[in-house]
Amino acid sequence: MSCPICGKDAAPKFRPFCSKRCADIDLAKWLSGSYAIPSDDPEDAERAVEEIAREAQKPH
């Protein structure tokens, strides 16, 4: 199995990653919202629209 971040061979200690660094990169992507699971729930879509509107109102 290869590391999903860099493609190197996975290390048993960090499986499915090759190192702590790649595991941390993956965790950061989840925590930042870079990874998302699509939803067909209308409430989720409504919340997303509301969040976008709030972000647009923030001063840059």
C-alpha atoms as a PDB file:
ATOM      1  CA  MET A   1       0.000   0.000   0.000  1.00  0.00           C
ATOM      2  CA  SER A   2       1.264   3.464  -0.813  1.00  0.00           C
ATOM      3  CA  CYS A   3       0.842   6.663   1.179  1.00  0.00           C
ATOM      4  CA  PRO A   4      -2.191   8.649  -0.069  1.00  0.00           C
ATOM      5  CA  ILE A   5      -0.316  11.925   0.471  1.00  0.00           C
ATOM      6  CA  CYS A   6       3.096  11.380  -1.143  1.00  0.00           C
ATOM      7  CA  GLY A   7       2.913   7.924  -2.744  1.00  0.00           C
ATOM      8  CA  LYS A   8       5.796   6.335  -0.780  1.00  0.00           C
ATOM      9  CA  ASP A   9       5.381   2.903   0.799  1.00  0.00           C
ATOM     10  CA  ALA A  10       3.190   2.990   3.908  1.00  0.00           C
ATOM     11  CA  ALA A  11       4.931   2.466   7.257  1.00  0.00           C
ATOM     12  CA  PRO A  12       3.217   0.035   9.651  1.00  0.00           C
ATOM     13  CA  LYS A  13       3.397   2.567  12.492  1.00  0.00           C
ATOM     14  CA  PHE A  14       1.597   5.301  10.477  1.00  0.00           C
ATOM     15  CA  ARG A  15      -0.515   3.170   8.161  1.00  0.00           C
ATOM     16  CA  PRO A  16      -1.909   4.077   5.658  1.00  0.00           C
ATOM     17  CA  PHE A  17       0.676   6.879   5.640  1.00  0.00           C
ATOM     18  CA  CYS A  18       4.454   6.664   5.317  1.00  0.00           C
ATOM     19  CA  SER A  19       5.234   9.044   8.188  1.00  0.00           C
ATOM     20  CA  LYS A  20       3.822  11.224  10.932  1.00  0.00           C
ATOM     21  CA  ARG A  21       4.310  14.214   8.623  1.00  0.00           C
ATOM     22  CA  CYS A  22       1.975  12.787   5.972  1.00  0.00           C
ATOM     23  CA  ALA A  23      -0.544  11.731   8.642  1.00  0.00           C
ATOM     24  CA  ASP A  24      -0.482  15.297  10.005  1.00  0.00           C
ATOM     25  CA  ILE A  25      -0.967  16.757   6.523  1.00  0.00           C
ATOM     26  CA  ASP A  26      -4.021  14.554   6.079  1.00  0.00           C
ATOM     27  CA  LEU A  27      -5.410  15.550   9.495  1.00  0.00           C
ATOM     28  CA  ALA A  28      -4.921  19.234   8.671  1.00  0.00           C
ATOM     29  CA  LYS A  29      -6.903  18.773   5.447  1.00  0.00           C
ATOM     30  CA  TRP A  30      -9.804  17.255   7.402  1.00  0.00           C
ATOM     31  CA  LEU A  31      -9.702  19.957  10.076  1.00  0.00           C
ATOM     32  CA  SER A  32      -9.545  22.808   7.557  1.00  0.00           C
ATOM     33  CA  GLY A  33     -12.472  21.453   5.572  1.00  0.00           C
ATOM     34  CA  SER A  34     -10.415  20.647   2.480  1.00  0.00           C
ATOM     35  CA  TYR A  35     -11.949  17.191   2.551  1.00  0.00           C
ATOM     36  CA  ALA A  36     -15.713  17.009   2.532  1.00  0.00           C
ATOM     37  CA  ILE A  37     -18.284  14.299   2.106  1.00  0.00           C
ATOM     38  CA  PRO A  38     -21.061  15.390  -0.270  1.00  0.00           C
ATOM     39  CA  SER A  39     -24.561  15.559   1.153  1.00  0.00           C
ATOM     40  CA  ASP A  40     -27.952  15.578  -0.545  1.00  0.00           C
ATOM     41  CA  ASP A  41     -29.641  16.813   2.634  1.00  0.00           C
ATOM     42  CA  PRO A  42     -31.470  20.098   1.895  1.00  0.00           C
ATOM     43  CA  GLU A  43     -30.660  21.390   5.398  1.00  0.00           C
ATOM     44  CA  ASP A  44     -26.934  21.005   4.684  1.00  0.00           C
ATOM     45  CA  ALA A  45     -27.292  23.010   1.481  1.00  0.00           C
ATOM     46  CA  GLU A  46     -29.207  25.734   3.332  1.00  0.00           C
ATOM     47  CA  ARG A  47     -26.524  25.948   6.035  1.00  0.00           C
ATOM     48  CA  ALA A  48     -23.817  26.183   3.371  1.00  0.00           C
ATOM     49  CA  VAL A  49     -25.595  29.085   1.675  1.00  0.00           C
ATOM     50  CA  GLU A  50     -25.967  30.859   5.028  1.00  0.00           C
ATOM     51  CA  GLU A  51     -22.279  30.328   5.819  1.00  0.00           C
ATOM     52  CA  ILE A  52     -21.223  31.715   2.441  1.00  0.00           C
ATOM     53  CA  ALA A  53     -23.411  34.775   3.022  1.00  0.00           C
ATOM     54  CA  ARG A  54     -21.846  35.340   6.483  1.00  0.00           C
ATOM     55  CA  GLU A  55     -18.333  35.018   5.041  1.00  0.00           C
ATOM     56  CA  ALA A  56     -19.155  37.524   2.300  1.00  0.00           C
ATOM     57  CA  GLN A  57     -20.263  40.076   4.897  1.00  0.00           C
ATOM     58  CA  LYS A  58     -17.005  39.885   6.867  1.00  0.00           C
ATOM     59  CA  PRO A  59     -14.553  42.731   6.253  1.00  0.00           C
ATOM     60  CA  HIS A  60     -11.439  41.596   4.395  1.00  0.00           C
END
